[in-house]
Amino acid sequence: DMVYQFCSTSKVTFSGAGVAAISSSPANIADIKSR
């Protein structure tokens, strides 16, 4: 549960219109989704 990992396509496709994501443990993901 100690890490949040982030990534995006901001410098892959369009900087203002890409997609971004977070990956982590199931417990962290559940906690984030609850909020």
All heavy atoms as atom14 arrays in JSON, in Angstrom:
{
  "sequence": "DMVYQFCSTSKVTFSGAGVAAISSSPANIADIKSR",
  "atom14_mask": [
    [1, 1, 1, 1, 1, 1, 1, 1, 0, 0, 0, 0, 0, 0],
    [1, 1, 1, 1, 1, 1, 1, 1, 0, 0, 0, 0, 0, 0],
    [1, 1, 1, 1, 1, 1, 1, 0, 0, 0, 0, 0, 0, 0],
    [1, 1, 1, 1, 1, 1, 1, 1, 1, 1, 1, 1, 0, 0],
    [1, 1, 1, 1, 1, 1, 1, 1, 1, 0, 0, 0, 0, 0],
    [1, 1, 1, 1, 1, 1, 1, 1, 1, 1, 1, 0, 0, 0],
    [1, 1, 1, 1, 1, 1, 0, 0, 0, 0, 0, 0, 0, 0],
    [1, 1, 1, 1, 1, 1, 0, 0, 0, 0, 0, 0, 0, 0],
    [1, 1, 1, 1, 1, 1, 1, 0, 0, 0, 0, 0, 0, 0],
    [1, 1, 1, 1, 1, 1, 0, 0, 0, 0, 0, 0, 0, 0],
    [1, 1, 1, 1, 1, 1, 1, 1, 1, 0, 0, 0, 0, 0],
    [1, 1, 1, 1, 1, 1, 1, 0, 0, 0, 0, 0, 0, 0],
    [1, 1, 1, 1, 1, 1, 1, 0, 0, 0, 0, 0, 0, 0],
    [1, 1, 1, 1, 1, 1, 1, 1, 1, 1, 1, 0, 0, 0],
    [1, 1, 1, 1, 1, 1, 0, 0, 0, 0, 0, 0, 0, 0],
    [1, 1, 1, 1, 0, 0, 0, 0, 0, 0, 0, 0, 0, 0],
    [1, 1, 1, 1, 1, 0, 0, 0, 0, 0, 0, 0, 0, 0],
    [1, 1, 1, 1, 0, 0, 0, 0, 0, 0, 0, 0, 0, 0],
    [1, 1, 1, 1, 1, 1, 1, 0, 0, 0, 0, 0, 0, 0],
    [1, 1, 1, 1, 1, 0, 0, 0, 0, 0, 0, 0, 0, 0],
    [1, 1, 1, 1, 1, 0, 0, 0, 0, 0, 0, 0, 0, 0],
    [1, 1, 1, 1, 1, 1, 1, 1, 0, 0, 0, 0, 0, 0],
    [1, 1, 1, 1, 1, 1, 0, 0, 0, 0, 0, 0, 0, 0],
    [1, 1, 1, 1, 1, 1, 0, 0, 0, 0, 0, 0, 0, 0],
    [1, 1, 1, 1, 1, 1, 0, 0, 0, 0, 0, 0, 0, 0],
    [1, 1, 1, 1, 1, 1, 1, 0, 0, 0, 0, 0, 0, 0],
    [1, 1, 1, 1, 1, 0, 0, 0, 0, 0, 0, 0, 0, 0],
    [1, 1, 1, 1, 1, 1, 1, 1, 0, 0, 0, 0, 0, 0],
    [1, 1, 1, 1, 1, 1, 1, 1, 0, 0, 0, 0, 0, 0],
    [1, 1, 1, 1, 1, 0, 0, 0, 0, 0, 0, 0, 0, 0],
    [1, 1, 1, 1, 1, 1, 1, 1, 0, 0, 0, 0, 0, 0],
    [1, 1, 1, 1, 1, 1, 1, 1, 0, 0, 0, 0, 0, 0],
    [1, 1, 1, 1, 1, 1, 1, 1, 1, 0, 0, 0, 0, 0],
    [1, 1, 1, 1, 1, 1, 0, 0, 0, 0, 0, 0, 0, 0],
    [1, 1, 1, 1, 1, 1, 1, 1, 1, 1, 1, 0, 0, 0]
  ],
  "atom14_positions": [
    [[0.81, -1.23, 0.0], [0.0, 0.0, 0.0], [0.85, 1.28, 0.0], [0.29, 2.38, 0.04], [-0.92, 0.03, 1.23], [-1.88, -1.14, 1.27], [-2.25, -1.65, 0.19], [-2.25, -1.57, 2.38], [0.0, 0.0, 0.0], [0.0, 0.0, 0.0], [0.0, 0.0, 0.0], [0.0, 0.0, 0.0], [0.0, 0.0, 0.0], [0.0, 0.0, 0.0]],
    [[2.15, 1.17, -0.06], [3.02, 2.32, 0.21], [3.2, 3.25, -0.99], [3.79, 4.32, -0.87], [4.4, 1.84, 0.69], [5.22, 2.92, 1.35], [6.67, 2.27, 2.23], [7.61, 1.52, 0.9], [0.0, 0.0, 0.0], [0.0, 0.0, 0.0], [0.0, 0.0, 0.0], [0.0, 0.0, 0.0], [0.0, 0.0, 0.0], [0.0, 0.0, 0.0]],
    [[2.72, 2.88, -2.18], [3.03, 3.67, -3.37], [1.78, 3.99, -4.17], [0.88, 3.17, -4.32], [4.07, 2.93, -4.26], [3.54, 1.62, -4.78], [4.53, 3.82, -5.42], [0.0, 0.0, 0.0], [0.0, 0.0, 0.0], [0.0, 0.0, 0.0], [0.0, 0.0, 0.0], [0.0, 0.0, 0.0], [0.0, 0.0, 0.0], [0.0, 0.0, 0.0]],
    [[1.74, 5.24, -4.67], [0.82, 5.66, -5.73], [1.67, 5.88, -6.97], [2.64, 6.65, -6.93], [0.13, 6.99, -5.4], [-0.74, 7.03, -4.18], [-0.75, 8.17, -3.38], [-1.58, 5.98, -3.83], [-1.57, 8.27, -2.26], [-2.41, 6.06, -2.72], [-2.39, 7.2, -1.93], [-3.2, 7.3, -0.82], [0.0, 0.0, 0.0], [0.0, 0.0, 0.0]],
    [[1.3, 5.25, -8.08], [2.03, 5.47, -9.33], [1.15, 6.23, -10.32], [-0.03, 5.92, -10.47], [2.47, 4.13, -9.96], [3.27, 4.33, -11.24], [3.79, 3.03, -11.82], [4.77, 3.02, -12.58], [3.18, 1.92, -11.5], [0.0, 0.0, 0.0], [0.0, 0.0, 0.0], [0.0, 0.0, 0.0], [0.0, 0.0, 0.0], [0.0, 0.0, 0.0]],
    [[1.75, 7.23, -10.99], [1.01, 8.08, -11.9], [1.63, 8.04, -13.3], [2.83, 7.84, -13.46], [1.03, 9.53, -11.4], [0.62, 9.68, -9.96], [1.58, 9.64, -8.95], [-0.7, 9.84, -9.61], [1.22, 9.78, -7.62], [-1.09, 9.98, -8.28], [-0.12, 9.94, -7.29], [0.0, 0.0, 0.0], [0.0, 0.0, 0.0], [0.0, 0.0, 0.0]],
    [[0.76, 8.27, -14.3], [1.21, 8.24, -15.69], [0.19, 9.01, -16.52], [-0.98, 9.11, -16.14], [1.33, 6.79, -16.17], [1.9, 6.59, -17.85], [0.0, 0.0, 0.0], [0.0, 0.0, 0.0], [0.0, 0.0, 0.0], [0.0, 0.0, 0.0], [0.0, 0.0, 0.0], [0.0, 0.0, 0.0], [0.0, 0.0, 0.0], [0.0, 0.0, 0.0]],
    [[0.62, 9.53, -17.66], [-0.33, 10.21, -18.55], [0.2, 10.19, -19.98], [1.36, 9.84, -20.23], [-0.56, 11.66, -18.11], [0.48, 12.5, -18.56], [0.0, 0.0, 0.0], [0.0, 0.0, 0.0], [0.0, 0.0, 0.0], [0.0, 0.0, 0.0], [0.0, 0.0, 0.0], [0.0, 0.0, 0.0], [0.0, 0.0, 0.0], [0.0, 0.0, 0.0]],
    [[-0.66, 10.59, -20.91], [-0.25, 10.73, -22.31], [-0.07, 12.2, -22.67], [-0.13, 12.57, -23.84], [-1.29, 10.1, -23.26], [-2.5, 10.88, -23.24], [-1.59, 8.66, -22.89], [0.0, 0.0, 0.0], [0.0, 0.0, 0.0], [0.0, 0.0, 0.0], [0.0, 0.0, 0.0], [0.0, 0.0, 0.0], [0.0, 0.0, 0.0], [0.0, 0.0, 0.0]],
    [[0.18, 13.04, -21.68], [0.26, 14.48, -21.93], [1.31, 14.85, -22.97], [1.12, 15.77, -23.74], [0.53, 15.23, -20.62], [-0.62, 15.24, -19.81], [0.0, 0.0, 0.0], [0.0, 0.0, 0.0], [0.0, 0.0, 0.0], [0.0, 0.0, 0.0], [0.0, 0.0, 0.0], [0.0, 0.0, 0.0], [0.0, 0.0, 0.0], [0.0, 0.0, 0.0]],
    [[2.44, 14.17, -22.97], [3.48, 14.45, -23.96], [3.57, 13.31, -24.98], [4.57, 13.19, -25.69], [4.82, 14.66, -23.27], [4.9, 15.94, -22.43], [6.28, 16.09, -21.82], [6.45, 17.43, -21.13], [5.66, 17.55, -19.91], [0.0, 0.0, 0.0], [0.0, 0.0, 0.0], [0.0, 0.0, 0.0], [0.0, 0.0, 0.0], [0.0, 0.0, 0.0]],
    [[2.52, 12.5, -25.03], [2.43, 11.41, -25.99], [1.46, 11.79, -27.11], [1.76, 11.63, -28.29], [1.96, 10.11, -25.31], [1.74, 9.0, -26.34], [2.97, 9.66, -24.26], [0.0, 0.0, 0.0], [0.0, 0.0, 0.0], [0.0, 0.0, 0.0], [0.0, 0.0, 0.0], [0.0, 0.0, 0.0], [0.0, 0.0, 0.0], [0.0, 0.0, 0.0]],
    [[0.29, 12.32, -26.71], [-0.7, 12.74, -27.7], [-0.85, 14.25, -27.62], [-0.01, 14.98, -28.13], [-2.04, 12.01, -27.48], [-2.48, 12.19, -26.12], [-1.89, 10.53, -27.77], [0.0, 0.0, 0.0], [0.0, 0.0, 0.0], [0.0, 0.0, 0.0], [0.0, 0.0, 0.0], [0.0, 0.0, 0.0], [0.0, 0.0, 0.0], [0.0, 0.0, 0.0]],
    [[-1.9, 14.71, -26.96], [-2.15, 16.15, -26.84], [-2.02, 16.57, -25.38], [-2.7, 16.03, -24.52], [-3.54, 16.51, -27.36], [-3.78, 16.08, -28.79], [-4.87, 15.29, -29.12], [-2.91, 16.45, -29.79], [-5.1, 14.9, -30.43], [-3.12, 16.06, -31.11], [-4.21, 15.28, -31.42], [0.0, 0.0, 0.0], [0.0, 0.0, 0.0], [0.0, 0.0, 0.0]],
    [[-1.18, 17.55, -25.13], [-0.89, 17.92, -23.74], [-2.13, 18.36, -22.98], [-2.25, 18.13, -21.78], [0.15, 19.03, -23.71], [1.35, 18.58, -24.32], [0.0, 0.0, 0.0], [0.0, 0.0, 0.0], [0.0, 0.0, 0.0], [0.0, 0.0, 0.0], [0.0, 0.0, 0.0], [0.0, 0.0, 0.0], [0.0, 0.0, 0.0], [0.0, 0.0, 0.0]],
    [[-3.06, 19.0, -23.64], [-4.26, 19.44, -22.96], [-5.43, 18.5, -23.09], [-6.51, 18.77, -22.56], [0.0, 0.0, 0.0], [0.0, 0.0, 0.0], [0.0, 0.0, 0.0], [0.0, 0.0, 0.0], [0.0, 0.0, 0.0], [0.0, 0.0, 0.0], [0.0, 0.0, 0.0], [0.0, 0.0, 0.0], [0.0, 0.0, 0.0], [0.0, 0.0, 0.0]],
    [[-5.24, 17.39, -23.82], [-6.37, 16.5, -24.09], [-5.94, 15.04, -24.14], [-6.42, 14.27, -24.95], [-7.05, 16.9, -25.4], [0.0, 0.0, 0.0], [0.0, 0.0, 0.0], [0.0, 0.0, 0.0], [0.0, 0.0, 0.0], [0.0, 0.0, 0.0], [0.0, 0.0, 0.0], [0.0, 0.0, 0.0], [0.0, 0.0, 0.0], [0.0, 0.0, 0.0]],
    [[-5.03, 14.68, -23.23], [-4.62, 13.29, -23.14], [-5.45, 12.55, -22.12], [-6.56, 12.97, -21.77], [0.0, 0.0, 0.0], [0.0, 0.0, 0.0], [0.0, 0.0, 0.0], [0.0, 0.0, 0.0], [0.0, 0.0, 0.0], [0.0, 0.0, 0.0], [0.0, 0.0, 0.0], [0.0, 0.0, 0.0], [0.0, 0.0, 0.0], [0.0, 0.0, 0.0]],
    [[-4.92, 11.43, -21.64], [-5.54, 10.71, -20.54], [-4.48, 10.44, -19.48], [-3.3, 10.26, -19.8], [-6.2, 9.38, -20.98], [-7.4, 9.66, -21.86], [-5.21, 8.48, -21.69], [0.0, 0.0, 0.0], [0.0, 0.0, 0.0], [0.0, 0.0, 0.0], [0.0, 0.0, 0.0], [0.0, 0.0, 0.0], [0.0, 0.0, 0.0], [0.0, 0.0, 0.0]],
    [[-4.9, 10.43, -18.23], [-3.98, 10.21, -17.12], [-4.52, 9.11, -16.23], [-5.73, 8.84, -16.22], [-3.8, 11.49, -16.31], [0.0, 0.0, 0.0], [0.0, 0.0, 0.0], [0.0, 0.0, 0.0], [0.0, 0.0, 0.0], [0.0, 0.0, 0.0], [0.0, 0.0, 0.0], [0.0, 0.0, 0.0], [0.0, 0.0, 0.0], [0.0, 0.0, 0.0]],
    [[-3.63, 8.47, -15.48], [-4.06, 7.33, -14.67], [-3.22, 7.21, -13.41], [-2.1, 7.72, -13.31], [-3.96, 6.04, -15.48], [0.0, 0.0, 0.0], [0.0, 0.0, 0.0], [0.0, 0.0, 0.0], [0.0, 0.0, 0.0], [0.0, 0.0, 0.0], [0.0, 0.0, 0.0], [0.0, 0.0, 0.0], [0.0, 0.0, 0.0], [0.0, 0.0, 0.0]],
    [[-3.79, 6.52, -12.44], [-3.09, 6.15, -11.21], [-3.2, 4.65, -11.04], [-4.23, 4.06, -11.35], [-3.69, 6.88, -9.97], [-2.95, 6.46, -8.7], [-5.18, 6.66, -9.86], [-3.38, 7.26, -7.46], [0.0, 0.0, 0.0], [0.0, 0.0, 0.0], [0.0, 0.0, 0.0], [0.0, 0.0, 0.0], [0.0, 0.0, 0.0], [0.0, 0.0, 0.0]],
    [[-2.11, 4.03, -10.59], [-2.14, 2.6, -10.25], [-1.6, 2.43, -8.84], [-0.73, 3.18, -8.4], [-1.29, 1.79, -11.24], [0.06, 2.18, -11.22], [0.0, 0.0, 0.0], [0.0, 0.0, 0.0], [0.0, 0.0, 0.0], [0.0, 0.0, 0.0], [0.0, 0.0, 0.0], [0.0, 0.0, 0.0], [0.0, 0.0, 0.0], [0.0, 0.0, 0.0]],
    [[-2.14, 1.45, -8.13], [-1.71, 1.22, -6.75], [-2.23, -0.13, -6.3], [-2.69, -0.95, -7.1], [-2.22, 2.35, -5.85], [-1.6, 2.3, -4.58], [0.0, 0.0, 0.0], [0.0, 0.0, 0.0], [0.0, 0.0, 0.0], [0.0, 0.0, 0.0], [0.0, 0.0, 0.0], [0.0, 0.0, 0.0], [0.0, 0.0, 0.0], [0.0, 0.0, 0.0]],
    [[-2.19, -0.37, -5.0], [-2.69, -1.62, -4.43], [-4.2, -1.63, -4.48], [-4.85, -0.59, -4.55], [-2.21, -1.75, -2.99], [-2.84, -0.76, -2.18], [0.0, 0.0, 0.0], [0.0, 0.0, 0.0], [0.0, 0.0, 0.0], [0.0, 0.0, 0.0], [0.0, 0.0, 0.0], [0.0, 0.0, 0.0], [0.0, 0.0, 0.0], [0.0, 0.0, 0.0]],
    [[-4.82, -2.83, -4.41], [-6.29, -2.88, -4.37], [-6.87, -2.06, -3.23], [-7.9, -1.4, -3.4], [-6.56, -4.38, -4.19], [-5.38, -5.06, -4.83], [-4.21, -4.17, -4.51], [0.0, 0.0, 0.0], [0.0, 0.0, 0.0], [0.0, 0.0, 0.0], [0.0, 0.0, 0.0], [0.0, 0.0, 0.0], [0.0, 0.0, 0.0], [0.0, 0.0, 0.0]],
    [[-6.2, -2.05, -2.07], [-6.73, -1.3, -0.93], [-6.68, 0.2, -1.19], [-7.64, 0.93, -0.87], [-5.93, -1.64, 0.33], [0.0, 0.0, 0.0], [0.0, 0.0, 0.0], [0.0, 0.0, 0.0], [0.0, 0.0, 0.0], [0.0, 0.0, 0.0], [0.0, 0.0, 0.0], [0.0, 0.0, 0.0], [0.0, 0.0, 0.0], [0.0, 0.0, 0.0]],
    [[-5.58, 0.67, -1.77], [-5.49, 2.1, -2.09], [-6.51, 2.5, -3.14], [-7.14, 3.56, -3.05], [-4.09, 2.45, -2.59], [-3.09, 2.68, -1.48], [-3.46, 3.09, -0.37], [-1.82, 2.42, -1.75], [0.0, 0.0, 0.0], [0.0, 0.0, 0.0], [0.0, 0.0, 0.0], [0.0, 0.0, 0.0], [0.0, 0.0, 0.0], [0.0, 0.0, 0.0]],
    [[-6.66, 1.66, -4.17], [-7.62, 1.96, -5.24], [-9.04, 2.04, -4.67], [-9.81, 2.95, -5.0], [-7.54, 0.9, -6.36], [-6.19, 1.0, -7.09], [-8.69, 1.05, -7.33], [-5.96, 2.31, -7.82], [0.0, 0.0, 0.0], [0.0, 0.0, 0.0], [0.0, 0.0, 0.0], [0.0, 0.0, 0.0], [0.0, 0.0, 0.0], [0.0, 0.0, 0.0]],
    [[-9.38, 1.12, -3.79], [-10.71, 1.14, -3.17], [-10.91, 2.4, -2.34], [-11.99, 3.02, -2.35], [-10.91, -0.11, -2.31], [0.0, 0.0, 0.0], [0.0, 0.0, 0.0], [0.0, 0.0, 0.0], [0.0, 0.0, 0.0], [0.0, 0.0, 0.0], [0.0, 0.0, 0.0], [0.0, 0.0, 0.0], [0.0, 0.0, 0.0], [0.0, 0.0, 0.0]],
    [[-9.87, 2.8, -1.61], [-9.94, 4.0, -0.78], [-10.14, 5.24, -1.64], [-10.98, 6.1, -1.33], [-8.65, 4.13, 0.04], [-8.68, 5.3, 1.0], [-9.64, 5.42, 1.77], [-7.74, 6.12, 0.95], [0.0, 0.0, 0.0], [0.0, 0.0, 0.0], [0.0, 0.0, 0.0], [0.0, 0.0, 0.0], [0.0, 0.0, 0.0], [0.0, 0.0, 0.0]],
    [[-9.4, 5.33, -2.73], [-9.53, 6.48, -3.64], [-10.91, 6.53, -4.27], [-11.57, 7.58, -4.31], [-8.44, 6.42, -4.73], [-7.05, 6.64, -4.09], [-8.69, 7.47, -5.81], [-5.89, 6.33, -5.03], [0.0, 0.0, 0.0], [0.0, 0.0, 0.0], [0.0, 0.0, 0.0], [0.0, 0.0, 0.0], [0.0, 0.0, 0.0], [0.0, 0.0, 0.0]],
    [[-11.39, 5.38, -4.73], [-12.71, 5.34, -5.39], [-13.83, 5.7, -4.42], [-14.85, 6.29, -4.81], [-12.94, 3.96, -6.0], [-12.11, 3.69, -7.25], [-12.26, 2.27, -7.76], [-13.64, 1.97, -8.27], [-13.72, 0.61, -8.87], [0.0, 0.0, 0.0], [0.0, 0.0, 0.0], [0.0, 0.0, 0.0], [0.0, 0.0, 0.0], [0.0, 0.0, 0.0]],
    [[-13.67, 5.37, -3.14], [-14.7, 5.68, -2.16], [-14.91, 7.18, -2.01], [-16.0, 7.64, -1.64], [-14.35, 5.06, -0.8], [-13.28, 5.75, -0.17], [0.0, 0.0, 0.0], [0.0, 0.0, 0.0], [0.0, 0.0, 0.0], [0.0, 0.0, 0.0], [0.0, 0.0, 0.0], [0.0, 0.0, 0.0], [0.0, 0.0, 0.0], [0.0, 0.0, 0.0]],
    [[-13.87, 7.97, -2.26], [-13.98, 9.42, -2.21], [-14.28, 10.0, -3.59], [-15.06, 10.95, -3.74], [-12.67, 10.04, -1.69], [-12.22, 9.53, -0.33], [-13.18, 9.92, 0.78], [-12.72, 9.43, 2.07], [-13.4, 9.58, 3.2], [-14.58, 10.2, 3.19], [-12.93, 9.12, 4.34], [0.0, 0.0, 0.0], [0.0, 0.0, 0.0], [0.0, 0.0, 0.0]]
  ]
}
